Amino acid sequence: QLACPLDLGCHSVGNAGSWDDAIRKYVTTKKSGPKGASLRYVGSMVADVHRTLLYGGVFLYPADKKSPSGKLRLLYECNPMAMIMEQAGGRASTGHMRILDIVPQHPHERKPIILGSSEDIEEICGYYAELEAAKKAAEESK
């Protein structure tokens, strides 16, 4: 039976040059932690997710300034890998919601994606929630 490891493992992170603050905080925290996570990125989602399933860690291809809706296609890239990861006991998210809960609006719709162990995805989603709360508080104080 396939199972998503809980170990730190490798982190496969796409579009590293333009990470948002939540992803930057997560990666910095993991790299400076006691086990010191390593970053590996093959550039092939299938290969990177396969390594994540074998050794743990996360696969991240978040939205960025150039592609605010994400780069990977929901129907034939994000959803199949999300299904596999969830069947292995992991999670798949945009950082704000579960990938498999998204109702597609068109066939080539793109989304950001974060795949990995439930604990890692929960941590990353927590960073996104913190950013949203801070942004909301700043807007309310204007």
C-alpha atoms as a PDB file:
ATOM      1  CA  GLN A   1       0.000   0.000   0.000  1.00  0.00           C
ATOM      2  CA  LEU A   2       1.220   3.466  -0.892  1.00  0.00           C
ATOM      3  CA  ALA A   3       1.712   5.799   2.089  1.00  0.00           C
ATOM      4  CA  CYS A   4       2.947   9.382   2.196  1.00  0.00           C
ATOM      5  CA  PRO A   5       5.917   9.515   4.632  1.00  0.00           C
ATOM      6  CA  LEU A   6       5.772  11.975   7.504  1.00  0.00           C
ATOM      7  CA  ASP A   7       9.535  12.535   7.427  1.00  0.00           C
ATOM      8  CA  LEU A   8      10.999  15.816   6.312  1.00  0.00           C
ATOM      9  CA  GLY A   9      12.349  14.453   3.041  1.00  0.00           C
ATOM     10  CA  CYS A  10      13.018  16.679   0.049  1.00  0.00           C
ATOM     11  CA  HIS A  11      11.079  19.709  -0.966  1.00  0.00           C
ATOM     12  CA  SER A  12      10.336  20.133  -4.661  1.00  0.00           C
ATOM     13  CA  VAL A  13       9.602  23.775  -5.261  1.00  0.00           C
ATOM     14  CA  GLY A  14       8.808  25.267  -8.648  1.00  0.00           C
ATOM     15  CA  ASN A  15       9.219  28.916  -9.694  1.00  0.00           C
ATOM     16  CA  ALA A  16      11.563  29.531  -6.729  1.00  0.00           C
ATOM     17  CA  GLY A  17      12.500  33.023  -7.811  1.00  0.00           C
ATOM     18  CA  SER A  18       9.070  34.462  -7.132  1.00  0.00           C
ATOM     19  CA  TRP A  19       7.714  32.688  -4.060  1.00  0.00           C
ATOM     20  CA  ASP A  20       5.107  34.438  -1.985  1.00  0.00           C
ATOM     21  CA  ASP A  21       5.747  35.159   1.708  1.00  0.00           C
ATOM     22  CA  ALA A  22       3.951  32.035   2.965  1.00  0.00           C
ATOM     23  CA  ILE A  23       6.092  29.672   0.869  1.00  0.00           C
ATOM     24  CA  ARG A  24       9.269  31.629   1.638  1.00  0.00           C
ATOM     25  CA  LYS A  25       8.542  31.377   5.382  1.00  0.00           C
ATOM     26  CA  TYR A  26       7.807  27.641   5.181  1.00  0.00           C
ATOM     27  CA  VAL A  27      10.958  26.803   3.192  1.00  0.00           C
ATOM     28  CA  THR A  28      13.161  28.990   5.407  1.00  0.00           C
ATOM     29  CA  THR A  29      11.729  27.332   8.522  1.00  0.00           C
ATOM     30  CA  LYS A  30      12.305  23.829   7.151  1.00  0.00           C
ATOM     31  CA  LYS A  31      15.809  24.528   5.856  1.00  0.00           C
ATOM     32  CA  SER A  32      16.913  26.023   9.188  1.00  0.00           C
ATOM     33  CA  GLY A  33      15.223  23.324  11.308  1.00  0.00           C
ATOM     34  CA  PRO A  34      17.024  20.526  13.140  1.00  0.00           C
ATOM     35  CA  LYS A  35      16.905  18.142  10.165  1.00  0.00           C
ATOM     36  CA  GLY A  36      17.582  20.812   7.545  1.00  0.00           C
ATOM     37  CA  ALA A  37      15.352  19.962   4.587  1.00  0.00           C
ATOM     38  CA  SER A  38      16.906  19.808   1.153  1.00  0.00           C
ATOM     39  CA  LEU A  39      15.446  21.415  -1.951  1.00  0.00           C
ATOM     40  CA  ARG A  40      15.261  19.361  -5.109  1.00  0.00           C
ATOM     41  CA  TYR A  41      13.389  20.230  -8.269  1.00  0.00           C
ATOM     42  CA  VAL A  42      13.485  18.021 -11.326  1.00  0.00           C
ATOM     43  CA  GLY A  43      11.035  20.120 -13.305  1.00  0.00           C
ATOM     44  CA  SER A  44       8.688  17.210 -13.944  1.00  0.00           C
ATOM     45  CA  MET A  45       5.686  17.137 -11.642  1.00  0.00           C
ATOM     46  CA  VAL A  46       5.350  13.354 -11.914  1.00  0.00           C
ATOM     47  CA  ALA A  47       8.999  12.747 -10.967  1.00  0.00           C
ATOM     48  CA  ASP A  48       8.916  15.281  -8.124  1.00  0.00           C
ATOM     49  CA  VAL A  49       5.645  13.948  -6.680  1.00  0.00           C
ATOM     50  CA  HIS A  50       6.979  10.389  -6.983  1.00  0.00           C
ATOM     51  CA  ARG A  51      10.016  11.382  -4.888  1.00  0.00           C
ATOM     52  CA  THR A  52       7.714  13.088  -2.381  1.00  0.00           C
ATOM     53  CA  LEU A  53       5.665   9.893  -2.064  1.00  0.00           C
ATOM     54  CA  LEU A  54       8.796   7.799  -1.556  1.00  0.00           C
ATOM     55  CA  TYR A  55      10.830  10.011   0.772  1.00  0.00           C
ATOM     56  CA  GLY A  56       8.461  12.590   2.232  1.00  0.00           C
ATOM     57  CA  GLY A  57       8.544  16.349   2.003  1.00  0.00           C
ATOM     58  CA  VAL A  58       6.341  18.477  -0.206  1.00  0.00           C
ATOM     59  CA  PHE A  59       5.856  19.406  -3.840  1.00  0.00           C
ATOM     60  CA  LEU A  60       5.114  23.105  -4.228  1.00  0.00           C
ATOM     61  CA  TYR A  61       4.193  24.991  -7.355  1.00  0.00           C
ATOM     62  CA  PRO A  62       2.581  28.079  -5.855  1.00  0.00           C
ATOM     63  CA  ALA A  63       1.080  31.072  -7.603  1.00  0.00           C
ATOM     64  CA  ASP A  64       3.414  33.996  -8.232  1.00  0.00           C
ATOM     65  CA  LYS A  65       3.243  37.546  -9.562  1.00  0.00           C
ATOM     66  CA  LYS A  66       3.634  36.392 -13.164  1.00  0.00           C
ATOM     67  CA  SER A  67       1.021  33.625 -12.789  1.00  0.00           C
ATOM     68  CA  PRO A  68      -1.346  34.647  -9.969  1.00  0.00           C
ATOM     69  CA  SER A  69      -3.739  31.811 -10.857  1.00  0.00           C
ATOM     70  CA  GLY A  70      -0.946  29.226 -10.809  1.00  0.00           C
ATOM     71  CA  LYS A  71       0.767  27.433 -13.690  1.00  0.00           C
ATOM     72  CA  LEU A  72      -0.355  23.812 -13.505  1.00  0.00           C
ATOM     73  CA  ARG A  73      -3.628  22.762 -15.085  1.00  0.00           C
ATOM     74  CA  LEU A  74      -6.317  21.742 -12.638  1.00  0.00           C
ATOM     75  CA  LEU A  75      -8.002  18.964 -14.613  1.00  0.00           C
ATOM     76  CA  TYR A  76      -5.038  17.026 -15.925  1.00  0.00           C
ATOM     77  CA  GLU A  77      -2.097  17.958 -13.698  1.00  0.00           C
ATOM     78  CA  CYS A  78      -3.338  19.032 -10.253  1.00  0.00           C
ATOM     79  CA  ASN A  79      -6.358  16.742  -9.819  1.00  0.00           C
ATOM     80  CA  PRO A  80      -4.687  13.427 -10.748  1.00  0.00           C
ATOM     81  CA  MET A  81      -1.691  14.083  -8.461  1.00  0.00           C
ATOM     82  CA  ALA A  82      -3.988  15.321  -5.690  1.00  0.00           C
ATOM     83  CA  MET A  83      -5.992  12.106  -5.920  1.00  0.00           C
ATOM     84  CA  ILE A  84      -2.842   9.965  -5.688  1.00  0.00           C
ATOM     85  CA  MET A  85      -1.450  11.993  -2.770  1.00  0.00           C
ATOM     86  CA  GLU A  86      -4.709  11.841  -0.817  1.00  0.00           C
ATOM     87  CA  GLN A  87      -5.025   8.090  -1.413  1.00  0.00           C
ATOM     88  CA  ALA A  88      -1.535   7.788   0.110  1.00  0.00           C
ATOM     89  CA  GLY A  89      -2.660   9.679   3.234  1.00  0.00           C
ATOM     90  CA  GLY A  90      -1.297  13.079   2.244  1.00  0.00           C
ATOM     91  CA  ARG A  91      -3.038  16.286   1.232  1.00  0.00           C
ATOM     92  CA  ALA A  92      -3.243  18.571  -1.775  1.00  0.00           C
ATOM     93  CA  SER A  93      -4.099  22.245  -1.500  1.00  0.00           C
ATOM     94  CA  THR A  94      -3.788  25.608  -3.197  1.00  0.00           C
ATOM     95  CA  GLY A  95      -2.756  27.019   0.163  1.00  0.00           C
ATOM     96  CA  HIS A  96      -6.327  28.190   0.648  1.00  0.00           C
ATOM     97  CA  MET A  97      -8.478  25.208  -0.279  1.00  0.00           C
ATOM     98  CA  ARG A  98      -8.371  21.510  -1.089  1.00  0.00           C
ATOM     99  CA  ILE A  99      -7.533  20.873  -4.758  1.00  0.00           C
ATOM    100  CA  LEU A 100     -10.196  18.189  -5.220  1.00  0.00           C
ATOM    101  CA  ASP A 101     -12.907  20.580  -3.939  1.00  0.00           C
ATOM    102  CA  ILE A 102     -12.350  23.050  -6.771  1.00  0.00           C
ATOM    103  CA  VAL A 103     -15.081  23.032  -9.408  1.00  0.00           C
ATOM    104  CA  PRO A 104     -13.385  23.657 -12.772  1.00  0.00           C
ATOM    105  CA  GLN A 105     -14.587  26.693 -14.705  1.00  0.00           C
ATOM    106  CA  HIS A 106     -12.924  25.719 -17.984  1.00  0.00           C
ATOM    107  CA  PRO A 107     -10.836  22.794 -19.320  1.00  0.00           C
ATOM    108  CA  HIS A 108      -7.425  24.499 -19.161  1.00  0.00           C
ATOM    109  CA  GLU A 109      -7.884  26.318 -15.840  1.00  0.00           C
ATOM    110  CA  ARG A 110      -4.639  26.719 -13.913  1.00  0.00           C
ATOM    111  CA  LYS A 111      -4.135  26.541 -10.142  1.00  0.00           C
ATOM    112  CA  PRO A 112      -1.308  26.717  -7.637  1.00  0.00           C
ATOM    113  CA  ILE A 113      -0.646  23.375  -5.922  1.00  0.00           C
ATOM    114  CA  ILE A 114       0.958  22.126  -2.732  1.00  0.00           C
ATOM    115  CA  LEU A 115       1.192  18.345  -2.191  1.00  0.00           C
ATOM    116  CA  GLY A 116       2.638  16.397   0.736  1.00  0.00           C
ATOM    117  CA  SER A 117       2.016  15.026   4.191  1.00  0.00           C
ATOM    118  CA  SER A 118      -1.024  16.334   6.047  1.00  0.00           C
ATOM    119  CA  GLU A 119       1.207  17.953   8.677  1.00  0.00           C
ATOM    120  CA  ASP A 120       3.295  19.861   6.137  1.00  0.00           C
ATOM    121  CA  ILE A 121       0.272  21.045   4.176  1.00  0.00           C
ATOM    122  CA  GLU A 122      -1.444  22.144   7.385  1.00  0.00           C
ATOM    123  CA  GLU A 123       1.645  24.179   8.293  1.00  0.00           C
ATOM    124  CA  ILE A 124       1.771  25.875   4.893  1.00  0.00           C
ATOM    125  CA  CYS A 125      -1.972  26.634   4.952  1.00  0.00           C
ATOM    126  CA  GLY A 126      -1.430  28.162   8.402  1.00  0.00           C
ATOM    127  CA  TYR A 127       1.155  30.548   6.925  1.00  0.00           C
ATOM    128  CA  TYR A 128      -1.315  31.547   4.218  1.00  0.00           C
ATOM    129  CA  ALA A 129      -3.999  32.144   6.876  1.00  0.00           C
ATOM    130  CA  GLU A 130      -1.571  34.344   8.837  1.00  0.00           C
ATOM    131  CA  LEU A 131      -0.840  36.400   5.719  1.00  0.00           C
ATOM    132  CA  GLU A 132      -4.526  36.816   4.949  1.00  0.00           C
ATOM    133  CA  ALA A 133      -5.262  37.903   8.538  1.00  0.00           C
ATOM    134  CA  ALA A 134      -2.408  40.421   8.485  1.00  0.00           C
ATOM    135  CA  LYS A 135      -3.565  41.779   5.113  1.00  0.00           C
ATOM    136  CA  LYS A 136      -7.140  42.102   6.378  1.00  0.00           C
ATOM    137  CA  ALA A 137      -5.996  43.847   9.578  1.00  0.00           C
ATOM    138  CA  ALA A 138      -3.893  46.306   7.542  1.00  0.00           C
ATOM    139  CA  GLU A 139      -6.853  47.127   5.290  1.00  0.00           C
ATOM    140  CA  GLU A 140      -9.147  47.662   8.277  1.00  0.00           C
ATOM    141  CA  SER A 141      -6.683  50.012   9.959  1.00  0.00           C
ATOM    142  CA  LYS A 142      -6.649  52.369   6.927  1.00  0.00           C
END
